[in-house]
C-alpha atoms as a PDB file:
ATOM      1  CA  MET A   1     -76.564  11.995  14.980  1.00  0.00           C
ATOM      2  CA  LYS A   2     -76.493  15.724  14.297  1.00  0.00           C
ATOM      3  CA  LYS A   3     -74.252  16.342  17.357  1.00  0.00           C
ATOM      4  CA  ILE A   4     -71.796  13.646  16.210  1.00  0.00           C
ATOM      5  CA  PHE A   5     -71.582  15.279  12.787  1.00  0.00           C
ATOM      6  CA  ILE A   6     -70.914  18.676  14.378  1.00  0.00           C
ATOM      7  CA  TYR A   7     -68.098  17.228  16.508  1.00  0.00           C
ATOM      8  CA  LEU A   8     -66.496  15.311  13.622  1.00  0.00           C
ATOM      9  CA  LEU A   9     -66.517  18.234  11.203  1.00  0.00           C
ATOM     10  CA  PRO A  10     -63.934  20.366  13.114  1.00  0.00           C
ATOM     11  CA  LEU A  11     -61.795  17.247  13.675  1.00  0.00           C
ATOM     12  CA  ALA A  12     -61.744  16.473   9.943  1.00  0.00           C
ATOM     13  CA  PHE A  13     -60.874  20.090   9.196  1.00  0.00           C
ATOM     14  CA  ILE A  14     -57.953  19.983  11.663  1.00  0.00           C
ATOM     15  CA  MET A  15     -56.654  16.730  10.188  1.00  0.00           C
ATOM     16  CA  ALA A  16     -56.873  18.076   6.665  1.00  0.00           C
ATOM     17  CA  PHE A  17     -55.144  21.335   7.594  1.00  0.00           C
ATOM     18  CA  THR A  18     -52.405  19.433   9.404  1.00  0.00           C
ATOM     19  CA  GLN A  19     -51.862  17.215   6.343  1.00  0.00           C
ATOM     20  CA  CYS A  20     -51.684  20.252   4.044  1.00  0.00           C
ATOM     21  CA  SER A  21     -49.230  21.959   6.361  1.00  0.00           C
ATOM     22  CA  LYS A  22     -46.905  18.948   6.265  1.00  0.00           C
ATOM     23  CA  ASP A  23     -47.027  18.863   2.476  1.00  0.00           C
ATOM     24  CA  ASP A  24     -46.423  22.589   2.221  1.00  0.00           C
ATOM     25  CA  THR A  25     -43.314  22.444   4.398  1.00  0.00           C
ATOM     26  CA  LYS A  26     -41.813  19.366   2.776  1.00  0.00           C
ATOM     27  CA  GLU A  27     -38.212  20.099   1.822  1.00  0.00           C
ATOM     28  CA  ASP A  28     -36.749  19.321  -1.575  1.00  0.00           C
ATOM     29  CA  PRO A  29     -34.267  16.455  -1.580  1.00  0.00           C
ATOM     30  CA  PRO A  30     -30.717  17.668  -1.029  1.00  0.00           C
ATOM     31  CA  PRO A  31     -28.288  17.583  -3.937  1.00  0.00           C
ATOM     32  CA  GLY A  32     -26.245  14.443  -4.120  1.00  0.00           C
ATOM     33  CA  PRO A  33     -25.622  11.257  -6.090  1.00  0.00           C
ATOM     34  CA  GLU A  34     -29.366  10.584  -6.433  1.00  0.00           C
ATOM     35  CA  ASN A  35     -30.294  14.149  -7.445  1.00  0.00           C
ATOM     36  CA  PRO A  36     -29.773  14.934 -10.251  1.00  0.00           C
ATOM     37  CA  GLN A  37     -27.041  12.437 -11.229  1.00  0.00           C
ATOM     38  CA  MET A  38     -27.836   9.147 -12.952  1.00  0.00           C
ATOM     39  CA  LEU A  39     -26.488   5.925 -11.518  1.00  0.00           C
ATOM     40  CA  ILE A  40     -24.487   4.119 -14.204  1.00  0.00           C
ATOM     41  CA  GLY A  41     -23.563   1.150 -12.029  1.00  0.00           C
ATOM     42  CA  GLU A  42     -22.122  -0.047  -8.760  1.00  0.00           C
ATOM     43  CA  GLN A  43     -19.420  -2.616  -8.172  1.00  0.00           C
ATOM     44  CA  PHE A  44     -17.332  -3.973  -5.304  1.00  0.00           C
ATOM     45  CA  ALA A  45     -13.590  -3.413  -5.479  1.00  0.00           C
ATOM     46  CA  ILE A  46     -12.611  -6.975  -4.490  1.00  0.00           C
ATOM     47  CA  GLY A  47      -9.903  -7.046  -1.882  1.00  0.00           C
ATOM     48  CA  SER A  48     -10.302  -3.465  -0.723  1.00  0.00           C
ATOM     49  CA  GLY A  49     -13.461  -3.712   1.408  1.00  0.00           C
ATOM     50  CA  LEU A  50     -14.946  -0.888  -0.641  1.00  0.00           C
ATOM     51  CA  LYS A  51     -17.821  -0.443  -3.061  1.00  0.00           C
ATOM     52  CA  VAL A  52     -17.815   2.094  -5.930  1.00  0.00           C
ATOM     53  CA  GLU A  53     -20.893   3.828  -7.332  1.00  0.00           C
ATOM     54  CA  PHE A  54     -20.565   5.311 -10.820  1.00  0.00           C
ATOM     55  CA  TYR A  55     -22.705   8.348 -11.788  1.00  0.00           C
ATOM     56  CA  ALA A  56     -23.098  10.730 -14.723  1.00  0.00           C
ATOM     57  CA  LEU A  57     -25.413  13.639 -15.542  1.00  0.00           C
ATOM     58  CA  THR A  58     -27.065  11.742 -18.423  1.00  0.00           C
ATOM     59  CA  GLU A  59     -26.687   8.490 -20.276  1.00  0.00           C
ATOM     60  CA  LEU A  60     -23.080   8.063 -21.350  1.00  0.00           C
ATOM     61  CA  TYR A  61     -22.587   9.002 -25.007  1.00  0.00           C
ATOM     62  CA  ALA A  62     -19.820   9.242 -27.596  1.00  0.00           C
ATOM     63  CA  GLY A  63     -18.230  12.544 -26.627  1.00  0.00           C
ATOM     64  CA  TYR A  64     -17.232  14.353 -23.441  1.00  0.00           C
ATOM     65  CA  ASN A  65     -18.909  13.048 -20.265  1.00  0.00           C
ATOM     66  CA  THR A  66     -18.501  14.412 -16.751  1.00  0.00           C
ATOM     67  CA  VAL A  67     -18.381  11.438 -14.399  1.00  0.00           C
ATOM     68  CA  TYR A  68     -18.709  11.000 -10.644  1.00  0.00           C
ATOM     69  CA  PHE A  69     -17.727   8.204  -8.298  1.00  0.00           C
ATOM     70  CA  THR A  70     -18.795   7.598  -4.708  1.00  0.00           C
ATOM     71  CA  VAL A  71     -16.707   5.205  -2.596  1.00  0.00           C
ATOM     72  CA  LYS A  72     -18.368   3.427   0.324  1.00  0.00           C
ATOM     73  CA  ASP A  73     -17.374   0.961   2.987  1.00  0.00           C
ATOM     74  CA  SER A  74     -18.763  -2.330   1.680  1.00  0.00           C
ATOM     75  CA  ILE A  75     -20.046  -3.346   5.120  1.00  0.00           C
ATOM     76  CA  THR A  76     -21.295  -0.157   6.771  1.00  0.00           C
ATOM     77  CA  GLY A  77     -22.222   1.745   3.632  1.00  0.00           C
ATOM     78  CA  GLU A  78     -20.403   4.848   4.971  1.00  0.00           C
ATOM     79  CA  VAL A  79     -18.963   7.175   2.324  1.00  0.00           C
ATOM     80  CA  VAL A  80     -15.178   7.220   2.519  1.00  0.00           C
ATOM     81  CA  GLU A  81     -12.223   8.883   0.775  1.00  0.00           C
ATOM     82  CA  ALA A  82      -9.871   6.365  -0.776  1.00  0.00           C
ATOM     83  CA  ASN A  83      -6.130   6.749  -0.218  1.00  0.00           C
ATOM     84  CA  GLU A  84      -5.613   6.227  -3.915  1.00  0.00           C
ATOM     85  CA  PHE A  85      -8.123   6.481  -6.787  1.00  0.00           C
ATOM     86  CA  MET A  86      -7.300   5.809 -10.406  1.00  0.00           C
ATOM     87  CA  MET A  87      -9.626   5.477 -13.409  1.00  0.00           C
ATOM     88  CA  HIS A  88      -8.884   3.732 -16.730  1.00  0.00           C
ATOM     89  CA  PRO A  89     -11.384   3.603 -19.604  1.00  0.00           C
ATOM     90  CA  MET A  90     -10.707   0.960 -22.266  1.00  0.00           C
ATOM     91  CA  MET A  91     -12.466  -0.222 -25.437  1.00  0.00           C
ATOM     92  CA  GLU A  92     -12.230  -3.765 -26.784  1.00  0.00           C
ATOM     93  CA  MET A  93     -13.375  -3.584 -30.368  1.00  0.00           C
ATOM     94  CA  MET A  94     -15.134  -6.440 -32.114  1.00  0.00           C
ATOM     95  CA  SER A  95     -11.880  -7.135 -33.969  1.00  0.00           C
ATOM     96  CA  GLY A  96     -10.141  -7.667 -30.627  1.00  0.00           C
ATOM     97  CA  MET A  97      -8.186  -4.429 -30.912  1.00  0.00           C
ATOM     98  CA  MET A  98      -7.855  -2.471 -27.685  1.00  0.00           C
ATOM     99  CA  HIS A  99      -7.675   1.295 -27.210  1.00  0.00           C
ATOM    100  CA  SER A 100      -8.242   3.909 -24.560  1.00  0.00           C
ATOM    101  CA  CYS A 101      -9.637   7.440 -24.931  1.00  0.00           C
ATOM    102  CA  PRO A 102      -9.119  10.966 -23.556  1.00  0.00           C
ATOM    103  CA  MET A 103      -9.892  11.325 -19.863  1.00  0.00           C
ATOM    104  CA  GLU A 104      -9.528  13.780 -16.980  1.00  0.00           C
ATOM    105  CA  ALA A 105      -8.444  12.062 -13.790  1.00  0.00           C
ATOM    106  CA  PRO A 106     -11.103  12.197 -11.030  1.00  0.00           C
ATOM    107  CA  VAL A 107     -10.364  14.555  -8.144  1.00  0.00           C
ATOM    108  CA  TYR A 108     -12.000  14.225  -4.711  1.00  0.00           C
ATOM    109  CA  ASN A 109     -14.554  16.891  -3.833  1.00  0.00           C
ATOM    110  CA  SER A 110     -14.767  17.147  -0.031  1.00  0.00           C
ATOM    111  CA  GLU A 111     -18.160  18.931  -0.179  1.00  0.00           C
ATOM    112  CA  THR A 112     -19.978  16.336  -2.288  1.00  0.00           C
ATOM    113  CA  LYS A 113     -17.744  13.453  -1.090  1.00  0.00           C
ATOM    114  CA  GLN A 114     -17.364  12.303  -4.673  1.00  0.00           C
ATOM    115  CA  TYR A 115     -14.570  11.911  -7.171  1.00  0.00           C
ATOM    116  CA  GLU A 116     -15.236  14.094 -10.217  1.00  0.00           C
ATOM    117  CA  GLY A 117     -13.594  13.609 -13.582  1.00  0.00           C
ATOM    118  CA  ALA A 118     -14.377  13.207 -17.254  1.00  0.00           C
ATOM    119  CA  ILE A 119     -14.222  10.571 -19.976  1.00  0.00           C
ATOM    120  CA  THR A 120     -14.335  11.410 -23.690  1.00  0.00           C
ATOM    121  CA  PHE A 121     -15.638   8.233 -25.348  1.00  0.00           C
ATOM    122  CA  VAL A 122     -14.451   8.357 -28.943  1.00  0.00           C
ATOM    123  CA  MET A 123     -17.091   5.899 -30.137  1.00  0.00           C
ATOM    124  CA  SER A 124     -20.248   4.212 -28.935  1.00  0.00           C
ATOM    125  CA  SER A 125     -20.658   0.674 -27.566  1.00  0.00           C
ATOM    126  CA  GLY A 126     -21.935  -0.363 -30.988  1.00  0.00           C
ATOM    127  CA  MET A 127     -18.275  -0.760 -32.010  1.00  0.00           C
ATOM    128  CA  GLY A 128     -17.293  -3.007 -29.096  1.00  0.00           C
ATOM    129  CA  THR A 129     -17.251  -3.066 -25.296  1.00  0.00           C
ATOM    130  CA  TRP A 130     -16.177  -0.206 -23.059  1.00  0.00           C
ATOM    131  CA  THR A 131     -14.713  -0.993 -19.636  1.00  0.00           C
ATOM    132  CA  VAL A 132     -14.120   1.622 -16.967  1.00  0.00           C
ATOM    133  CA  SER A 133     -11.757   0.299 -14.263  1.00  0.00           C
ATOM    134  CA  VAL A 134     -11.431   2.021 -10.913  1.00  0.00           C
ATOM    135  CA  HIS A 135      -8.359   1.075  -8.864  1.00  0.00           C
ATOM    136  CA  LEU A 136      -8.520   1.753  -5.125  1.00  0.00           C
ATOM    137  CA  ASN A 137      -5.656   1.904  -2.628  1.00  0.00           C
ATOM    138  CA  ASN A 138      -3.577  -0.577  -4.661  1.00  0.00           C
ATOM    139  CA  LEU A 139      -5.816  -3.257  -3.150  1.00  0.00           C
ATOM    140  CA  GLY A 140      -8.812  -3.780  -5.394  1.00  0.00           C
ATOM    141  CA  THR A 141     -10.411  -2.856  -8.702  1.00  0.00           C
ATOM    142  CA  ALA A 142     -14.033  -2.165  -9.549  1.00  0.00           C
ATOM    143  CA  GLU A 143     -14.876  -2.996 -13.184  1.00  0.00           C
ATOM    144  CA  PHE A 144     -17.763  -1.319 -15.041  1.00  0.00           C
ATOM    145  CA  GLU A 145     -19.036  -2.098 -18.544  1.00  0.00           C
ATOM    146  CA  PRO A 146     -21.193   0.948 -19.300  1.00  0.00           C
ATOM    147  CA  ASP A 147     -23.383   1.321 -22.367  1.00  0.00           C
ATOM    148  CA  VAL A 148     -22.203   4.294 -24.468  1.00  0.00           C
ATOM    149  CA  ILE A 149     -24.788   5.551 -26.952  1.00  0.00           C
ATOM    150  CA  ASP A 150     -24.627   7.632 -30.112  1.00  0.00           C
ATOM    151  CA  PRO A 151     -26.455  10.904 -29.354  1.00  0.00           C
ATOM    152  CA  ALA A 152     -29.050  12.275 -31.769  1.00  0.00           C
ATOM    153  CA  GLU A 153     -26.530  14.911 -32.877  1.00  0.00           C
ATOM    154  CA  ALA A 154     -22.829  14.083 -32.880  1.00  0.00           C
ATOM    155  CA  MET A 155     -20.870  15.492 -29.935  1.00  0.00           C
ATOM    156  CA  ILE A 156     -17.424  14.519 -31.199  1.00  0.00           C
ATOM    157  CA  TYR A 157     -15.579  14.363 -34.509  1.00  0.00           C
ATOM    158  CA  SER A 158     -12.079  13.513 -35.668  1.00  0.00           C
ATOM    159  CA  PHE A 159      -9.861  14.663 -38.529  1.00  0.00           C
ATOM    160  CA  PRO A 160      -6.362  14.203 -39.929  1.00  0.00           C
ATOM    161  CA  SER A 161      -4.264  17.337 -40.120  1.00  0.00           C
ATOM    162  CA  MET A 162      -4.229  19.015 -43.530  1.00  0.00           C
ATOM    163  CA  VAL A 163      -0.593  19.911 -42.856  1.00  0.00           C
ATOM    164  CA  ASP A 164       0.574  16.482 -41.579  1.00  0.00           C
ATOM    165  CA  SER A 165      -1.826  13.631 -42.291  1.00  0.00           C
ATOM    166  CA  SER A 166       0.047  11.373 -39.831  1.00  0.00           C
ATOM    167  CA  LYS A 167      -1.457  13.431 -37.019  1.00  0.00           C
ATOM    168  CA  SER A 168      -5.112  12.980 -36.067  1.00  0.00           C
ATOM    169  CA  TYR A 169      -7.224  15.010 -33.650  1.00  0.00           C
ATOM    170  CA  PHE A 170     -10.553  14.690 -31.854  1.00  0.00           C
ATOM    171  CA  VAL A 171     -12.827  17.663 -31.094  1.00  0.00           C
ATOM    172  CA  SER A 172     -15.573  17.260 -28.471  1.00  0.00           C
ATOM    173  CA  LEU A 173     -18.482  19.648 -27.914  1.00  0.00           C
ATOM    174  CA  ILE A 174     -19.023  20.384 -24.190  1.00  0.00           C
ATOM    175  CA  GLN A 175     -21.220  23.509 -24.229  1.00  0.00           C
ATOM    176  CA  PRO A 176     -23.968  24.481 -24.889  1.00  0.00           C
ATOM    177  CA  THR A 177     -25.900  21.581 -23.306  1.00  0.00           C
ATOM    178  CA  ASP A 178     -29.143  23.552 -23.098  1.00  0.00           C
ATOM    179  CA  PRO A 179     -29.047  26.008 -26.032  1.00  0.00           C
ATOM    180  CA  LYS A 180     -31.272  29.080 -26.073  1.00  0.00           C
ATOM    181  CA  VAL A 181     -31.949  32.081 -28.283  1.00  0.00           C
ATOM    182  CA  GLY A 182     -29.218  34.621 -27.643  1.00  0.00           C
ATOM    183  CA  GLU A 183     -25.631  34.244 -26.533  1.00  0.00           C
ATOM    184  CA  ASN A 184     -24.550  30.776 -25.331  1.00  0.00           C
ATOM    185  CA  ASP A 185     -21.310  29.552 -23.820  1.00  0.00           C
ATOM    186  CA  PHE A 186     -19.460  27.548 -26.453  1.00  0.00           C
ATOM    187  CA  GLU A 187     -16.830  25.112 -25.158  1.00  0.00           C
ATOM    188  CA  ILE A 188     -14.886  22.388 -26.904  1.00  0.00           C
ATOM    189  CA  LEU A 189     -12.082  20.006 -25.993  1.00  0.00           C
ATOM    190  CA  ILE A 190      -9.288  19.140 -28.445  1.00  0.00           C
ATOM    191  CA  ASN A 191      -7.168  15.979 -28.075  1.00  0.00           C
ATOM    192  CA  GLN A 192      -4.502  14.445 -30.267  1.00  0.00           C
ATOM    193  CA  LYS A 193      -4.447  10.718 -30.838  1.00  0.00           C
ATOM    194  CA  VAL A 194      -0.750   9.952 -30.453  1.00  0.00           C
ATOM    195  CA  SER A 195      -1.318   6.211 -30.045  1.00  0.00           C
ATOM    196  CA  MET A 196      -4.099   3.812 -29.073  1.00  0.00           C
ATOM    197  CA  MET A 197      -3.328   4.537 -25.408  1.00  0.00           C
ATOM    198  CA  ASP A 198      -2.122   8.158 -25.510  1.00  0.00           C
ATOM    199  CA  TRP A 199      -4.627  11.014 -26.125  1.00  0.00           C
ATOM    200  CA  PRO A 200      -3.066  14.238 -24.801  1.00  0.00           C
ATOM    201  CA  ALA A 201      -4.943  17.502 -24.660  1.00  0.00           C
ATOM    202  CA  VAL A 202      -3.878  20.139 -27.232  1.00  0.00           C
ATOM    203  CA  GLU A 203      -3.283  23.544 -25.677  1.00  0.00           C
ATOM    204  CA  ASP A 204      -1.793  25.736 -28.435  1.00  0.00           C
ATOM    205  CA  PHE A 205      -4.361  25.765 -31.260  1.00  0.00           C
ATOM    206  CA  SER A 206      -6.567  28.596 -32.469  1.00  0.00           C
ATOM    207  CA  VAL A 207     -10.247  28.101 -33.259  1.00  0.00           C
ATOM    208  CA  ILE A 208     -12.643  30.102 -35.435  1.00  0.00           C
ATOM    209  CA  ILE A 209     -16.385  29.446 -35.310  1.00  0.00           C
ATOM    210  CA  GLU A 210     -19.024  30.406 -37.864  1.00  0.00           C
ATOM    211  CA  PRO A 211     -22.624  29.523 -37.018  1.00  0.00           C
ATOM    212  CA  GLU A 212     -25.188  29.268 -39.784  1.00  0.00           C
ATOM    213  CA  MET A 213     -28.773  28.182 -40.297  1.00  0.00           C
ATOM    214  CA  PRO A 214     -28.664  25.989 -43.429  1.00  0.00           C
ATOM    215  CA  ASP A 215     -32.457  26.038 -43.850  1.00  0.00           C
ATOM    216  CA  MET A 216     -32.664  29.813 -43.528  1.00  0.00           C
ATOM    217  CA  GLY A 217     -29.498  30.864 -45.324  1.00  0.00           C
ATOM    218  CA  HIS A 218     -28.084  33.182 -42.667  1.00  0.00           C
ATOM    219  CA  GLY A 219     -25.597  33.244 -39.834  1.00  0.00           C
ATOM    220  CA  SER A 220     -25.455  35.335 -36.690  1.00  0.00           C
ATOM    221  CA  PRO A 221     -23.466  38.275 -35.244  1.00  0.00           C
ATOM    222  CA  ASN A 222     -21.637  38.770 -31.954  1.00  0.00           C
ATOM    223  CA  ASN A 223     -19.909  35.374 -31.771  1.00  0.00           C
ATOM    224  CA  VAL A 224     -16.657  35.069 -29.847  1.00  0.00           C
ATOM    225  CA  ASP A 225     -14.059  32.590 -31.107  1.00  0.00           C
ATOM    226  CA  PRO A 226     -13.007  30.032 -28.482  1.00  0.00           C
ATOM    227  CA  THR A 227      -9.606  30.479 -26.856  1.00  0.00           C
ATOM    228  CA  HIS A 228      -7.657  28.007 -24.761  1.00  0.00           C
ATOM    229  CA  THR A 229      -8.374  28.085 -21.020  1.00  0.00           C
ATOM    230  CA  ALA A 230      -6.822  24.932 -19.552  1.00  0.00           C
ATOM    231  CA  HIS A 231      -6.147  21.262 -20.326  1.00  0.00           C
ATOM    232  CA  GLY A 232      -7.294  21.406 -23.935  1.00  0.00           C
ATOM    233  CA  HIS A 233     -10.526  23.259 -23.246  1.00  0.00           C
ATOM    234  CA  TYR A 234     -11.407  26.207 -25.516  1.00  0.00           C
ATOM    235  CA  ASP A 235     -14.164  28.639 -24.443  1.00  0.00           C
ATOM    236  CA  GLY A 236     -16.078  31.195 -26.526  1.00  0.00           C
ATOM    237  CA  ILE A 237     -19.611  32.420 -27.226  1.00  0.00           C
ATOM    238  CA  VAL A 238     -22.052  31.369 -29.935  1.00  0.00           C
ATOM    239  CA  ASN A 239     -25.058  33.542 -30.700  1.00  0.00           C
ATOM    240  CA  PHE A 240     -28.300  31.898 -31.895  1.00  0.00           C
ATOM    241  CA  THR A 241     -30.775  34.480 -33.190  1.00  0.00           C
ATOM    242  CA  MET A 242     -33.720  32.051 -33.380  1.00  0.00           C
ATOM    243  CA  THR A 243     -34.716  28.473 -32.652  1.00  0.00           C
ATOM    244  CA  GLY A 244     -34.164  25.702 -35.209  1.00  0.00           C
ATOM    245  CA  TRP A 245     -31.278  23.814 -36.781  1.00  0.00           C
ATOM    246  CA  TRP A 246     -27.910  25.509 -36.439  1.00  0.00           C
ATOM    247  CA  ARG A 247     -24.602  24.335 -37.856  1.00  0.00           C
ATOM    248  CA  VAL A 248     -21.511  25.659 -36.095  1.00  0.00           C
ATOM    249  CA  ASN A 249     -18.578  25.438 -38.513  1.00  0.00           C
ATOM    250  CA  LEU A 250     -15.089  25.234 -37.071  1.00  0.00           C
ATOM    251  CA  THR A 251     -11.716  26.223 -38.523  1.00  0.00           C
ATOM    252  CA  ILE A 252      -8.750  24.977 -36.540  1.00  0.00           C
ATOM    253  CA  LEU A 253      -5.224  26.345 -36.820  1.00  0.00           C
ATOM    254  CA  ASN A 254      -2.079  24.920 -35.308  1.00  0.00           C
ATOM    255  CA  ALA A 255       0.473  26.812 -33.215  1.00  0.00           C
ATOM    256  CA  GLU A 256       2.215  28.047 -36.386  1.00  0.00           C
ATOM    257  CA  GLY A 257      -1.024  29.542 -37.670  1.00  0.00           C
ATOM    258  CA  ASP A 258      -1.543  26.943 -40.389  1.00  0.00           C
ATOM    259  CA  THR A 259      -5.121  25.749 -41.028  1.00  0.00           C
ATOM    260  CA  ILE A 260      -5.213  22.051 -40.208  1.00  0.00           C
ATOM    261  CA  ASN A 261      -8.971  21.570 -40.644  1.00  0.00           C
ATOM    262  CA  ASN A 262     -11.861  23.669 -41.961  1.00  0.00           C
ATOM    263  CA  ASP A 263     -14.552  21.210 -43.061  1.00  0.00           C
ATOM    264  CA  ARG A 264     -16.082  19.971 -39.798  1.00  0.00           C
ATOM    265  CA  SER A 265     -19.002  21.280 -37.767  1.00  0.00           C
ATOM    266  CA  PHE A 266     -21.416  20.582 -34.932  1.00  0.00           C
ATOM    267  CA  ASN A 267     -25.185  20.504 -35.468  1.00  0.00           C
ATOM    268  CA  ILE A 268     -27.235  22.086 -32.671  1.00  0.00           C
ATOM    269  CA  THR A 269     -31.037  21.953 -32.883  1.00  0.00           C
ATOM    270  CA  PHE A 270     -33.430  23.423 -30.332  1.00  0.00           C
END
């Protein structure tokens, strides 16, 4: 019995060491649709022989959402590039009224093999039903009905122009998504609502930001006002000197330098 124990002990040690070695050398999963993106849904594009998978970085919410689509052969499951890819978001409100929203057309990324774009949902699904239609190769359409939530802190607001009340605009907060003490990238998107179906990006406005801590009664230095970069995106820097509830006040001026809004803000708490 003693000899058997002596022989088994080294064998157990070898097995344990081998198991630890395998665990230690295990590779992290490669980046892709399953990591770290969230699957929103998957649908077949009837008539095209293709299936579409719809991904986002988080739950979809009222505001600016980066979206991703993977197209696969519906039989083999092989990822393919469609000859034509078009996306159309649409809201049917409880009243029956239909409207679209701002969007950035998806573009194919040959490295990730995904179509990458953006949808700015102007309201949550609590107001009606959102549909995101993906048209492929003029042959078939995949229809998604995603749930769009209201985030804990608003990521979008609208206002009528103080100069011309017939014109209305939507401002979406894009950055920061993970705020920290110190300087943070501050990015917004501005769109005009021309009609229920037309939401062009505004590229000639000026934006002034003024962060404050309402509970503490102070602001912060070293902020950089956002300036237009491309397609309605305005980039700047916001400086948070401590954790807590911050309110970033925005003043927006039109191309003529007239203030068209100065009473809206974004709350950022961390």
